[in-house]
Amino acid sequence: MDHIVQIIVLAVVLDSFVGDPQNPFHPVRIMGYGILWGVRLHQNFCIRLSVVSFLWGVLLTVTVVLTAYFATKYFIVLLNEIQAWFAFAGEVILCYFIISPKALRTESMKVYRAVQSDDLINARKNLSRIVGRDTQHLEYPAIIKATVETVAENFSDGVIAPLFFVYIGGVPLGAAYKAINTLDSMIGYRNKHYEYLGKFAARLDDIVNFIPARISAFLLIAAIFVTRNNTKRAFYIYRRDRHQHKSPNSAQTESVCAGALGLCLGGNHYYNGKLVSKPVIGDDLIPPSPLHIIIVNRLMYFATILGVVLIIVIELGRRYFHV
């Protein structure tokens, strides 16, 4: 098995057993500190002009992404000079840091347990940790739908996209992707603070996620088939609603899950007290149930396994045909 495929397999296994460690030295947190520092510099020293904010956002994005790439690359080179197996272990750990299937399941299951316990306050609180919308007035059906949405959407951003870039360009490229995704999640908003500052990062995130989002959608459809859920309905809603989002990528996976579960996702929500209008995805065929959170997590894990199997098959095919 190829070196990079071994790294991917071991990273996914490690994440499945250990989960994402929460500490101040996590690489993604370090990226976040750098982004916050850049945002504060902009707030303190830049002239409040849209063109200045946009150019600062370009500079911030390029700096963070290149730093993530080259810092990761030279860290691996340094480890390799010590010992080859040490560098291999370092690559596995770094790859494990930039994927998050277990963290996604853990956080969404906190919402599930709160809903099951009829604890509306904690259900809203736990949901607020994984979504950007206002949660303080949401009732149980909206909480369940929001949880399903975030698992479906983040399956691409948090699992398949990082693995895709690690496979095609090694762990440094995976780290660069994670930097882009982190920039988008922190400053890629259409509001008075980030409209121009985060525009470049948001568009770059759309571009780099274009292929992984579509791969993720078909992996979910395959997972739905394997788990004997409603594959026909999932594919129908995918074809109908996969563009029903302001992002060119988010509805790809959300539409698959909406179809499989018989839920209507998306729609209007409040963000920082402001109502934001969004298209709906899927049809309201079944009342939202806590069980839907379990099912979407099961689909996410099956699709993750299928993604890893797909990488192995592609690599075996490359070797067989000497590509």
C-alpha atoms as a PDB file:
ATOM      1  CA  MET A   1       0.000   0.000   0.000  1.00  0.00           C
ATOM      2  CA  ASP A   2       1.271   3.457  -0.923  1.00  0.00           C
ATOM      3  CA  HIS A   3       2.818   5.658   1.787  1.00  0.00           C
ATOM      4  CA  ILE A   4       0.097   8.326   1.634  1.00  0.00           C
ATOM      5  CA  VAL A   5      -2.719   5.748   1.642  1.00  0.00           C
ATOM      6  CA  GLN A   6      -1.245   4.189   4.784  1.00  0.00           C
ATOM      7  CA  ILE A   7      -1.246   7.641   6.399  1.00  0.00           C
ATOM      8  CA  ILE A   8      -4.911   8.190   5.500  1.00  0.00           C
ATOM      9  CA  VAL A   9      -6.031   4.769   6.765  1.00  0.00           C
ATOM     10  CA  LEU A  10      -4.149   5.105  10.063  1.00  0.00           C
ATOM     11  CA  ALA A  11      -5.365   8.701  10.574  1.00  0.00           C
ATOM     12  CA  VAL A  12      -9.008   7.651  10.144  1.00  0.00           C
ATOM     13  CA  VAL A  13      -8.527   4.694  12.502  1.00  0.00           C
ATOM     14  CA  LEU A  14      -6.827   6.959  15.064  1.00  0.00           C
ATOM     15  CA  ASP A  15      -9.649   9.492  14.859  1.00  0.00           C
ATOM     16  CA  SER A  16     -12.248   6.740  15.257  1.00  0.00           C
ATOM     17  CA  PHE A  17     -10.703   5.540  18.510  1.00  0.00           C
ATOM     18  CA  VAL A  18      -9.321   8.736  20.018  1.00  0.00           C
ATOM     19  CA  GLY A  19     -11.288  11.617  18.510  1.00  0.00           C
ATOM     20  CA  ASP A  20     -10.100  15.173  18.030  1.00  0.00           C
ATOM     21  CA  PRO A  21      -7.953  16.312  21.002  1.00  0.00           C
ATOM     22  CA  GLN A  22      -8.940  19.702  22.383  1.00  0.00           C
ATOM     23  CA  ASN A  23      -5.862  21.652  23.449  1.00  0.00           C
ATOM     24  CA  PRO A  24      -4.313  25.085  22.743  1.00  0.00           C
ATOM     25  CA  PHE A  25      -1.587  23.526  20.549  1.00  0.00           C
ATOM     26  CA  HIS A  26      -3.956  21.847  18.101  1.00  0.00           C
ATOM     27  CA  PRO A  27      -2.831  22.889  14.569  1.00  0.00           C
ATOM     28  CA  VAL A  28      -6.300  24.172  13.670  1.00  0.00           C
ATOM     29  CA  ARG A  29      -6.382  26.278  16.827  1.00  0.00           C
ATOM     30  CA  ILE A  30      -2.978  27.698  15.958  1.00  0.00           C
ATOM     31  CA  MET A  31      -4.376  28.627  12.542  1.00  0.00           C
ATOM     32  CA  GLY A  32      -7.277  30.279  14.350  1.00  0.00           C
ATOM     33  CA  TYR A  33      -4.938  32.325  16.542  1.00  0.00           C
ATOM     34  CA  GLY A  34      -3.128  33.563  13.426  1.00  0.00           C
ATOM     35  CA  ILE A  35      -6.395  34.522  11.745  1.00  0.00           C
ATOM     36  CA  LEU A  36      -7.611  36.386  14.846  1.00  0.00           C
ATOM     37  CA  TRP A  37      -4.314  38.267  15.012  1.00  0.00           C
ATOM     38  CA  GLY A  38      -4.712  39.300  11.374  1.00  0.00           C
ATOM     39  CA  VAL A  39      -8.312  40.412  11.950  1.00  0.00           C
ATOM     40  CA  ARG A  40      -7.292  42.510  14.972  1.00  0.00           C
ATOM     41  CA  LEU A  41      -4.507  44.181  12.990  1.00  0.00           C
ATOM     42  CA  HIS A  42      -7.059  45.092  10.359  1.00  0.00           C
ATOM     43  CA  GLN A  43      -9.460  46.491  12.958  1.00  0.00           C
ATOM     44  CA  ASN A  44      -6.764  48.548  14.672  1.00  0.00           C
ATOM     45  CA  PHE A  45      -4.716  49.894  11.785  1.00  0.00           C
ATOM     46  CA  CYS A  46      -6.587  49.683   8.478  1.00  0.00           C
ATOM     47  CA  ILE A  47      -8.658  52.436   6.891  1.00  0.00           C
ATOM     48  CA  ARG A  48     -12.329  51.455   6.789  1.00  0.00           C
ATOM     49  CA  LEU A  49     -12.622  51.234   3.019  1.00  0.00           C
ATOM     50  CA  SER A  50     -14.072  48.194   1.239  1.00  0.00           C
ATOM     51  CA  VAL A  51     -11.100  47.897  -1.151  1.00  0.00           C
ATOM     52  CA  VAL A  52      -8.614  48.055   1.743  1.00  0.00           C
ATOM     53  CA  SER A  53     -10.571  45.402   3.659  1.00  0.00           C
ATOM     54  CA  PHE A  54     -10.684  43.160   0.611  1.00  0.00           C
ATOM     55  CA  LEU A  55      -6.946  43.460  -0.057  1.00  0.00           C
ATOM     56  CA  TRP A  56      -6.185  42.826   3.605  1.00  0.00           C
ATOM     57  CA  GLY A  57      -8.373  39.722   3.410  1.00  0.00           C
ATOM     58  CA  VAL A  58      -6.430  38.510   0.376  1.00  0.00           C
ATOM     59  CA  LEU A  59      -3.124  39.096   2.177  1.00  0.00           C
ATOM     60  CA  LEU A  60      -4.364  37.382   5.344  1.00  0.00           C
ATOM     61  CA  THR A  61      -5.696  34.379   3.422  1.00  0.00           C
ATOM     62  CA  VAL A  62      -2.557  33.893   1.333  1.00  0.00           C
ATOM     63  CA  THR A  63      -0.308  34.283   4.396  1.00  0.00           C
ATOM     64  CA  VAL A  64      -2.228  31.789   6.547  1.00  0.00           C
ATOM     65  CA  VAL A  65      -2.561  29.202   3.760  1.00  0.00           C
ATOM     66  CA  LEU A  66       1.099  29.359   2.704  1.00  0.00           C
ATOM     67  CA  THR A  67       2.241  29.283   6.327  1.00  0.00           C
ATOM     68  CA  ALA A  68       0.126  26.177   6.974  1.00  0.00           C
ATOM     69  CA  TYR A  69       1.536  24.470   3.879  1.00  0.00           C
ATOM     70  CA  PHE A  70       5.233  25.261   4.363  1.00  0.00           C
ATOM     71  CA  ALA A  71       5.229  24.898   8.167  1.00  0.00           C
ATOM     72  CA  THR A  72       3.761  21.413   7.763  1.00  0.00           C
ATOM     73  CA  LYS A  73       6.140  20.538   4.942  1.00  0.00           C
ATOM     74  CA  TYR A  74       9.301  21.594   6.779  1.00  0.00           C
ATOM     75  CA  PHE A  75       8.133  20.037  10.036  1.00  0.00           C
ATOM     76  CA  ILE A  76       7.874  16.695   8.216  1.00  0.00           C
ATOM     77  CA  VAL A  77      11.320  17.260   6.616  1.00  0.00           C
ATOM     78  CA  LEU A  78      12.765  17.949  10.069  1.00  0.00           C
ATOM     79  CA  LEU A  79      11.219  14.763  11.475  1.00  0.00           C
ATOM     80  CA  ASN A  80      12.538  12.794   8.495  1.00  0.00           C
ATOM     81  CA  GLU A  81      16.081  13.952   9.244  1.00  0.00           C
ATOM     82  CA  ILE A  82      15.720  12.471  12.715  1.00  0.00           C
ATOM     83  CA  GLN A  83      14.194   9.151  11.615  1.00  0.00           C
ATOM     84  CA  ALA A  84      12.006   8.061   8.672  1.00  0.00           C
ATOM     85  CA  TRP A  85       9.470   6.237  10.835  1.00  0.00           C
ATOM     86  CA  PHE A  86       9.296   9.312  13.110  1.00  0.00           C
ATOM     87  CA  ALA A  87       8.294  11.426  10.097  1.00  0.00           C
ATOM     88  CA  PHE A  88       5.709   8.810   9.085  1.00  0.00           C
ATOM     89  CA  ALA A  89       4.180   8.897  12.571  1.00  0.00           C
ATOM     90  CA  GLY A  90       4.173  12.695  12.456  1.00  0.00           C
ATOM     91  CA  GLU A  91       2.316  12.682   9.123  1.00  0.00           C
ATOM     92  CA  VAL A  92      -0.291  10.275  10.508  1.00  0.00           C
ATOM     93  CA  ILE A  93      -0.866  12.514  13.537  1.00  0.00           C
ATOM     94  CA  LEU A  94      -1.037  15.683  11.436  1.00  0.00           C
ATOM     95  CA  CYS A  95      -3.522  14.050   9.057  1.00  0.00           C
ATOM     96  CA  TYR A  96      -5.538  12.898  12.072  1.00  0.00           C
ATOM     97  CA  PHE A  97      -5.597  16.500  13.344  1.00  0.00           C
ATOM     98  CA  ILE A  98      -7.208  17.845  10.162  1.00  0.00           C
ATOM     99  CA  ILE A  99     -10.098  15.348   9.930  1.00  0.00           C
ATOM    100  CA  SER A 100     -12.980  15.278  12.356  1.00  0.00           C
ATOM    101  CA  PRO A 101     -15.586  12.503  11.883  1.00  0.00           C
ATOM    102  CA  LYS A 102     -15.582  11.506  15.546  1.00  0.00           C
ATOM    103  CA  ALA A 103     -15.690  15.123  16.766  1.00  0.00           C
ATOM    104  CA  LEU A 104     -18.660  15.718  14.479  1.00  0.00           C
ATOM    105  CA  ARG A 105     -20.443  12.674  15.856  1.00  0.00           C
ATOM    106  CA  THR A 106     -19.549  13.498  19.477  1.00  0.00           C
ATOM    107  CA  GLU A 107     -20.864  17.068  19.298  1.00  0.00           C
ATOM    108  CA  SER A 108     -24.045  16.126  17.431  1.00  0.00           C
ATOM    109  CA  MET A 109     -24.755  13.299  19.880  1.00  0.00           C
ATOM    110  CA  LYS A 110     -24.629  15.809  22.742  1.00  0.00           C
ATOM    111  CA  VAL A 111     -27.600  17.482  21.079  1.00  0.00           C
ATOM    112  CA  TYR A 112     -29.268  14.085  20.660  1.00  0.00           C
ATOM    113  CA  ARG A 113     -28.909  13.218  24.344  1.00  0.00           C
ATOM    114  CA  ALA A 114     -30.268  16.603  25.422  1.00  0.00           C
ATOM    115  CA  VAL A 115     -33.293  16.216  23.123  1.00  0.00           C
ATOM    116  CA  GLN A 116     -33.861  12.661  24.368  1.00  0.00           C
ATOM    117  CA  SER A 117     -33.753  13.934  27.966  1.00  0.00           C
ATOM    118  CA  ASP A 118     -36.244  16.704  27.110  1.00  0.00           C
ATOM    119  CA  ASP A 119     -33.590  19.254  28.086  1.00  0.00           C
ATOM    120  CA  LEU A 120     -34.330  22.140  25.735  1.00  0.00           C
ATOM    121  CA  ILE A 121     -31.813  24.526  27.309  1.00  0.00           C
ATOM    122  CA  ASN A 122     -28.868  22.152  26.875  1.00  0.00           C
ATOM    123  CA  ALA A 123     -30.088  21.083  23.429  1.00  0.00           C
ATOM    124  CA  ARG A 124     -29.921  24.720  22.311  1.00  0.00           C
ATOM    125  CA  LYS A 125     -26.589  25.248  24.057  1.00  0.00           C
ATOM    126  CA  ASN A 126     -24.977  22.159  22.521  1.00  0.00           C
ATOM    127  CA  LEU A 127     -26.345  23.034  19.085  1.00  0.00           C
ATOM    128  CA  SER A 128     -24.870  26.542  19.301  1.00  0.00           C
ATOM    129  CA  ARG A 129     -21.388  24.959  19.406  1.00  0.00           C
ATOM    130  CA  ILE A 130     -21.749  23.408  15.950  1.00  0.00           C
ATOM    131  CA  VAL A 131     -23.919  25.884  13.993  1.00  0.00           C
ATOM    132  CA  GLY A 132     -23.641  29.578  13.189  1.00  0.00           C
ATOM    133  CA  ARG A 133     -27.345  30.421  13.490  1.00  0.00           C
ATOM    134  CA  ASP A 134     -29.077  31.759  16.595  1.00  0.00           C
ATOM    135  CA  THR A 135     -30.334  28.837  18.684  1.00  0.00           C
ATOM    136  CA  GLN A 136     -31.863  30.469  21.772  1.00  0.00           C
ATOM    137  CA  HIS A 137     -35.452  30.331  20.443  1.00  0.00           C
ATOM    138  CA  LEU A 138     -35.346  27.056  18.506  1.00  0.00           C
ATOM    139  CA  GLU A 139     -37.719  24.236  19.427  1.00  0.00           C
ATOM    140  CA  TYR A 140     -36.962  20.519  19.175  1.00  0.00           C
ATOM    141  CA  PRO A 141     -37.892  19.979  15.471  1.00  0.00           C
ATOM    142  CA  ALA A 142     -35.682  22.894  14.348  1.00  0.00           C
ATOM    143  CA  ILE A 143     -32.860  21.707  16.632  1.00  0.00           C
ATOM    144  CA  ILE A 144     -32.943  18.213  15.125  1.00  0.00           C
ATOM    145  CA  LYS A 145     -32.988  19.570  11.573  1.00  0.00           C
ATOM    146  CA  ALA A 146     -30.084  21.929  12.286  1.00  0.00           C
ATOM    147  CA  THR A 147     -28.054  19.042  13.721  1.00  0.00           C
ATOM    148  CA  VAL A 148     -28.722  16.877  10.655  1.00  0.00           C
ATOM    149  CA  GLU A 149     -27.733  19.810   8.407  1.00  0.00           C
ATOM    150  CA  THR A 150     -24.414  20.416  10.139  1.00  0.00           C
ATOM    151  CA  VAL A 151     -23.414  16.736  10.110  1.00  0.00           C
ATOM    152  CA  ALA A 152     -24.304  16.480   6.413  1.00  0.00           C
ATOM    153  CA  GLU A 153     -22.494  19.686   5.430  1.00  0.00           C
ATOM    154  CA  ASN A 154     -19.416  19.119   7.577  1.00  0.00           C
ATOM    155  CA  PHE A 155     -18.973  15.573   6.322  1.00  0.00           C
ATOM    156  CA  SER A 156     -17.479  17.157   3.217  1.00  0.00           C
ATOM    157  CA  ASP A 157     -15.553  19.984   4.924  1.00  0.00           C
ATOM    158  CA  GLY A 158     -14.349  17.965   7.894  1.00  0.00           C
ATOM    159  CA  VAL A 159     -13.725  14.516   6.437  1.00  0.00           C
ATOM    160  CA  ILE A 160     -13.687  13.966   2.680  1.00  0.00           C
ATOM    161  CA  ALA A 161     -12.152  17.277   1.531  1.00  0.00           C
ATOM    162  CA  PRO A 162      -9.112  17.012   3.866  1.00  0.00           C
ATOM    163  CA  LEU A 163      -8.580  13.376   2.834  1.00  0.00           C
ATOM    164  CA  PHE A 164      -8.931  14.327  -0.843  1.00  0.00           C
ATOM    165  CA  PHE A 165      -6.202  16.966  -0.597  1.00  0.00           C
ATOM    166  CA  VAL A 166      -3.945  14.756   1.529  1.00  0.00           C
ATOM    167  CA  TYR A 167      -4.256  12.049  -1.133  1.00  0.00           C
ATOM    168  CA  ILE A 168      -3.485  14.293  -4.115  1.00  0.00           C
ATOM    169  CA  GLY A 169      -0.790  16.448  -2.475  1.00  0.00           C
ATOM    170  CA  GLY A 170       0.305  14.971   0.836  1.00  0.00           C
ATOM    171  CA  VAL A 171      -0.278  16.210   4.373  1.00  0.00           C
ATOM    172  CA  PRO A 172       1.017  19.759   3.651  1.00  0.00           C
ATOM    173  CA  LEU A 173      -1.708  20.264   1.027  1.00  0.00           C
ATOM    174  CA  GLY A 174      -4.251  18.862   3.477  1.00  0.00           C
ATOM    175  CA  ALA A 175      -3.075  21.428   6.041  1.00  0.00           C
ATOM    176  CA  ALA A 176      -3.386  24.207   3.435  1.00  0.00           C
ATOM    177  CA  TYR A 177      -6.961  23.106   2.718  1.00  0.00           C
ATOM    178  CA  LYS A 178      -7.743  23.124   6.436  1.00  0.00           C
ATOM    179  CA  ALA A 179      -6.385  26.680   6.654  1.00  0.00           C
ATOM    180  CA  ILE A 180      -8.734  27.780   3.841  1.00  0.00           C
ATOM    181  CA  ASN A 181     -11.680  26.093   5.515  1.00  0.00           C
ATOM    182  CA  THR A 182     -10.820  27.642   8.889  1.00  0.00           C
ATOM    183  CA  LEU A 183     -10.543  31.094   7.306  1.00  0.00           C
ATOM    184  CA  ASP A 184     -13.970  30.663   5.732  1.00  0.00           C
ATOM    185  CA  SER A 185     -15.524  29.524   9.022  1.00  0.00           C
ATOM    186  CA  MET A 186     -14.058  32.515  10.876  1.00  0.00           C
ATOM    187  CA  ILE A 187     -14.302  35.424   8.430  1.00  0.00           C
ATOM    188  CA  GLY A 188     -16.318  34.175   5.447  1.00  0.00           C
ATOM    189  CA  TYR A 189     -19.528  35.925   6.473  1.00  0.00           C
ATOM    190  CA  ARG A 190     -21.706  38.473   4.702  1.00  0.00           C
ATOM    191  CA  ASN A 191     -22.041  41.050   7.458  1.00  0.00           C
ATOM    192  CA  LYS A 192     -20.691  44.515   8.242  1.00  0.00           C
ATOM    193  CA  HIS A 193     -17.537  43.107   9.855  1.00  0.00           C
ATOM    194  CA  TYR A 194     -16.469  40.544   7.245  1.00  0.00           C
ATOM    195  CA  GLU A 195     -18.311  41.363   3.986  1.00  0.00           C
ATOM    196  CA  TYR A 196     -15.099  42.465   2.244  1.00  0.00           C
ATOM    197  CA  LEU A 197     -12.442  41.120   4.608  1.00  0.00           C
ATOM    198  CA  GLY A 198     -13.637  37.539   4.194  1.00  0.00           C
ATOM    199  CA  LYS A 199     -14.819  37.645   0.577  1.00  0.00           C
ATOM    200  CA  PHE A 200     -11.619  36.207  -0.929  1.00  0.00           C
ATOM    201  CA  ALA A 201     -11.414  33.407   1.667  1.00  0.00           C
ATOM    202  CA  ALA A 202     -15.083  32.514   1.137  1.00  0.00           C
ATOM    203  CA  ARG A 203     -14.728  32.327  -2.653  1.00  0.00           C
ATOM    204  CA  LEU A 204     -11.499  30.315  -2.352  1.00  0.00           C
ATOM    205  CA  ASP A 205     -13.271  27.893  -0.017  1.00  0.00           C
ATOM    206  CA  ASP A 206     -16.055  27.474  -2.591  1.00  0.00           C
ATOM    207  CA  ILE A 207     -13.485  26.659  -5.275  1.00  0.00           C
ATOM    208  CA  VAL A 208     -11.429  24.110  -3.311  1.00  0.00           C
ATOM    209  CA  ASN A 209     -14.572  22.350  -2.020  1.00  0.00           C
ATOM    210  CA  PHE A 210     -16.227  22.049  -5.436  1.00  0.00           C
ATOM    211  CA  ILE A 211     -14.954  18.533  -6.247  1.00  0.00           C
ATOM    212  CA  PRO A 212     -14.862  17.121  -2.669  1.00  0.00           C
ATOM    213  CA  ALA A 213     -18.471  18.205  -2.028  1.00  0.00           C
ATOM    214  CA  ARG A 214     -19.679  16.239  -5.037  1.00  0.00           C
ATOM    215  CA  ILE A 215     -17.584  13.205  -4.129  1.00  0.00           C
ATOM    216  CA  SER A 216     -19.052  13.430  -0.619  1.00  0.00           C
ATOM    217  CA  ALA A 217     -22.605  13.479  -1.988  1.00  0.00           C
ATOM    218  CA  PHE A 218     -22.075  10.274  -3.978  1.00  0.00           C
ATOM    219  CA  LEU A 219     -20.336   8.594  -1.053  1.00  0.00           C
ATOM    220  CA  LEU A 220     -23.395   9.387   1.076  1.00  0.00           C
ATOM    221  CA  ILE A 221     -25.687   7.970  -1.620  1.00  0.00           C
ATOM    222  CA  ALA A 222     -23.555   4.804  -1.640  1.00  0.00           C
ATOM    223  CA  ALA A 223     -23.724   4.665   2.174  1.00  0.00           C
ATOM    224  CA  ILE A 224     -27.518   5.024   2.007  1.00  0.00           C
ATOM    225  CA  PHE A 225     -27.636   2.081  -0.411  1.00  0.00           C
ATOM    226  CA  VAL A 226     -25.373  -0.051   1.804  1.00  0.00           C
ATOM    227  CA  THR A 227     -27.426   0.718   4.935  1.00  0.00           C
ATOM    228  CA  ARG A 228     -30.701   0.083   3.050  1.00  0.00           C
ATOM    229  CA  ASN A 229     -32.109   3.548   3.541  1.00  0.00           C
ATOM    230  CA  ASN A 230     -34.155   5.312   0.866  1.00  0.00           C
ATOM    231  CA  THR A 231     -31.578   5.515  -1.945  1.00  0.00           C
ATOM    232  CA  LYS A 232     -34.125   6.377  -4.641  1.00  0.00           C
ATOM    233  CA  ARG A 233     -35.537   9.284  -2.655  1.00  0.00           C
ATOM    234  CA  ALA A 234     -32.051  10.498  -1.680  1.00  0.00           C
ATOM    235  CA  PHE A 235     -30.923  10.585  -5.320  1.00  0.00           C
ATOM    236  CA  TYR A 236     -34.144  12.286  -6.438  1.00  0.00           C
ATOM    237  CA  ILE A 237     -33.820  15.095  -3.864  1.00  0.00           C
ATOM    238  CA  TYR A 238     -30.100  15.375  -4.649  1.00  0.00           C
ATOM    239  CA  ARG A 239     -30.821  15.961  -8.324  1.00  0.00           C
ATOM    240  CA  ARG A 240     -33.646  18.394  -7.551  1.00  0.00           C
ATOM    241  CA  ASP A 241     -32.181  20.416  -4.662  1.00  0.00           C
ATOM    242  CA  ARG A 242     -28.391  20.139  -4.872  1.00  0.00           C
ATOM    243  CA  HIS A 243     -28.129  23.810  -5.902  1.00  0.00           C
ATOM    244  CA  GLN A 244     -30.647  25.096  -3.327  1.00  0.00           C
ATOM    245  CA  HIS A 245     -28.080  27.013  -1.284  1.00  0.00           C
ATOM    246  CA  LYS A 246     -26.135  30.260  -1.562  1.00  0.00           C
ATOM    247  CA  SER A 247     -22.980  28.148  -1.388  1.00  0.00           C
ATOM    248  CA  PRO A 248     -22.352  26.029  -4.525  1.00  0.00           C
ATOM    249  CA  ASN A 249     -21.321  23.132  -2.286  1.00  0.00           C
ATOM    250  CA  SER A 250     -23.349  22.953   0.942  1.00  0.00           C
ATOM    251  CA  ALA A 251     -26.584  21.617  -0.593  1.00  0.00           C
ATOM    252  CA  GLN A 252     -24.730  18.743  -2.280  1.00  0.00           C
ATOM    253  CA  THR A 253     -24.579  16.648   0.886  1.00  0.00           C
ATOM    254  CA  GLU A 254     -27.542  18.268   2.656  1.00  0.00           C
ATOM    255  CA  SER A 255     -29.891  17.351  -0.205  1.00  0.00           C
ATOM    256  CA  VAL A 256     -28.797  13.685  -0.069  1.00  0.00           C
ATOM    257  CA  CYS A 257     -29.475  13.451   3.659  1.00  0.00           C
ATOM    258  CA  ALA A 258     -32.734  15.399   3.384  1.00  0.00           C
ATOM    259  CA  GLY A 259     -33.969  12.917   0.792  1.00  0.00           C
ATOM    260  CA  ALA A 260     -32.832   9.833   2.696  1.00  0.00           C
ATOM    261  CA  LEU A 261     -34.431  10.995   5.961  1.00  0.00           C
ATOM    262  CA  GLY A 262     -37.583  12.556   4.498  1.00  0.00           C
ATOM    263  CA  LEU A 263     -36.833  15.932   6.081  1.00  0.00           C
ATOM    264  CA  CYS A 264     -37.053  19.517   4.863  1.00  0.00           C
ATOM    265  CA  LEU A 265     -33.773  21.271   5.657  1.00  0.00           C
ATOM    266  CA  GLY A 266     -32.524  24.813   5.067  1.00  0.00           C
ATOM    267  CA  GLY A 267     -35.018  27.674   5.054  1.00  0.00           C
ATOM    268  CA  ASN A 268     -34.963  31.000   6.888  1.00  0.00           C
ATOM    269  CA  HIS A 269     -32.914  31.361  10.096  1.00  0.00           C
ATOM    270  CA  TYR A 270     -31.694  34.108  12.381  1.00  0.00           C
ATOM    271  CA  TYR A 271     -27.992  34.984  12.500  1.00  0.00           C
ATOM    272  CA  ASN A 272     -26.944  37.510  15.174  1.00  0.00           C
ATOM    273  CA  GLY A 273     -30.552  38.610  15.461  1.00  0.00           C
ATOM    274  CA  LYS A 274     -30.983  39.156  11.718  1.00  0.00           C
ATOM    275  CA  LEU A 275     -33.347  37.007   9.638  1.00  0.00           C
ATOM    276  CA  VAL A 276     -31.516  35.432   6.690  1.00  0.00           C
ATOM    277  CA  SER A 277     -33.583  33.974   3.873  1.00  0.00           C
ATOM    278  CA  LYS A 278     -32.399  30.621   2.476  1.00  0.00           C
ATOM    279  CA  PRO A 279     -33.967  28.098   0.065  1.00  0.00           C
ATOM    280  CA  VAL A 280     -35.447  24.901   1.469  1.00  0.00           C
ATOM    281  CA  ILE A 281     -33.915  21.503   0.718  1.00  0.00           C
ATOM    282  CA  GLY A 282     -36.015  18.332   0.659  1.00  0.00           C
ATOM    283  CA  ASP A 283     -39.646  17.680   1.611  1.00  0.00           C
ATOM    284  CA  ASP A 284     -41.318  17.438   5.016  1.00  0.00           C
ATOM    285  CA  LEU A 285     -42.399  13.797   4.787  1.00  0.00           C
ATOM    286  CA  ILE A 286     -41.491  12.651   8.308  1.00  0.00           C
ATOM    287  CA  PRO A 287     -41.612  14.642  11.586  1.00  0.00           C
ATOM    288  CA  PRO A 288     -38.063  15.340  12.861  1.00  0.00           C
ATOM    289  CA  SER A 289     -37.033  12.742  15.424  1.00  0.00           C
ATOM    290  CA  PRO A 290     -33.912  12.282  17.592  1.00  0.00           C
ATOM    291  CA  LEU A 291     -33.407   9.069  15.635  1.00  0.00           C
ATOM    292  CA  HIS A 292     -32.579  11.186  12.584  1.00  0.00           C
ATOM    293  CA  ILE A 293     -29.408  12.394  14.343  1.00  0.00           C
ATOM    294  CA  ILE A 294     -28.304   8.798  14.891  1.00  0.00           C
ATOM    295  CA  ILE A 295     -29.067   7.861  11.276  1.00  0.00           C
ATOM    296  CA  VAL A 296     -27.177  10.813   9.759  1.00  0.00           C
ATOM    297  CA  ASN A 297     -24.141   9.980  11.911  1.00  0.00           C
ATOM    298  CA  ARG A 298     -24.326   6.364  10.817  1.00  0.00           C
ATOM    299  CA  LEU A 299     -24.448   7.472   7.184  1.00  0.00           C
ATOM    300  CA  MET A 300     -21.524   9.832   7.766  1.00  0.00           C
ATOM    301  CA  TYR A 301     -19.373   7.002   9.174  1.00  0.00           C
ATOM    302  CA  PHE A 302     -20.323   4.518   6.458  1.00  0.00           C
ATOM    303  CA  ALA A 303     -19.526   7.155   3.823  1.00  0.00           C
ATOM    304  CA  THR A 304     -16.169   7.847   5.513  1.00  0.00           C
ATOM    305  CA  ILE A 305     -15.279   4.152   5.320  1.00  0.00           C
ATOM    306  CA  LEU A 306     -16.376   4.048   1.682  1.00  0.00           C
ATOM    307  CA  GLY A 307     -14.221   7.106   1.003  1.00  0.00           C
ATOM    308  CA  VAL A 308     -11.166   5.366   2.414  1.00  0.00           C
ATOM    309  CA  VAL A 309     -11.997   2.208   0.424  1.00  0.00           C
ATOM    310  CA  LEU A 310     -12.314   4.344  -2.721  1.00  0.00           C
ATOM    311  CA  ILE A 311      -8.845   5.814  -2.142  1.00  0.00           C
ATOM    312  CA  ILE A 312      -7.394   2.311  -1.691  1.00  0.00           C
ATOM    313  CA  VAL A 313      -9.104   1.066  -4.873  1.00  0.00           C
ATOM    314  CA  ILE A 314      -7.864   4.074  -6.872  1.00  0.00           C
ATOM    315  CA  GLU A 315      -4.336   3.507  -5.621  1.00  0.00           C
ATOM    316  CA  LEU A 316      -4.454  -0.210  -6.450  1.00  0.00           C
ATOM    317  CA  GLY A 317      -5.780   0.689  -9.916  1.00  0.00           C
ATOM    318  CA  ARG A 318      -2.930   3.184 -10.424  1.00  0.00           C
ATOM    319  CA  ARG A 319      -0.394   0.508  -9.513  1.00  0.00           C
ATOM    320  CA  TYR A 320      -1.991  -2.139 -11.718  1.00  0.00           C
ATOM    321  CA  PHE A 321      -2.142   0.131 -14.756  1.00  0.00           C
ATOM    322  CA  HIS A 322       1.192   1.801 -13.906  1.00  0.00           C
ATOM    323  CA  VAL A 323      -0.377   5.286 -13.926  1.00  0.00           C
END
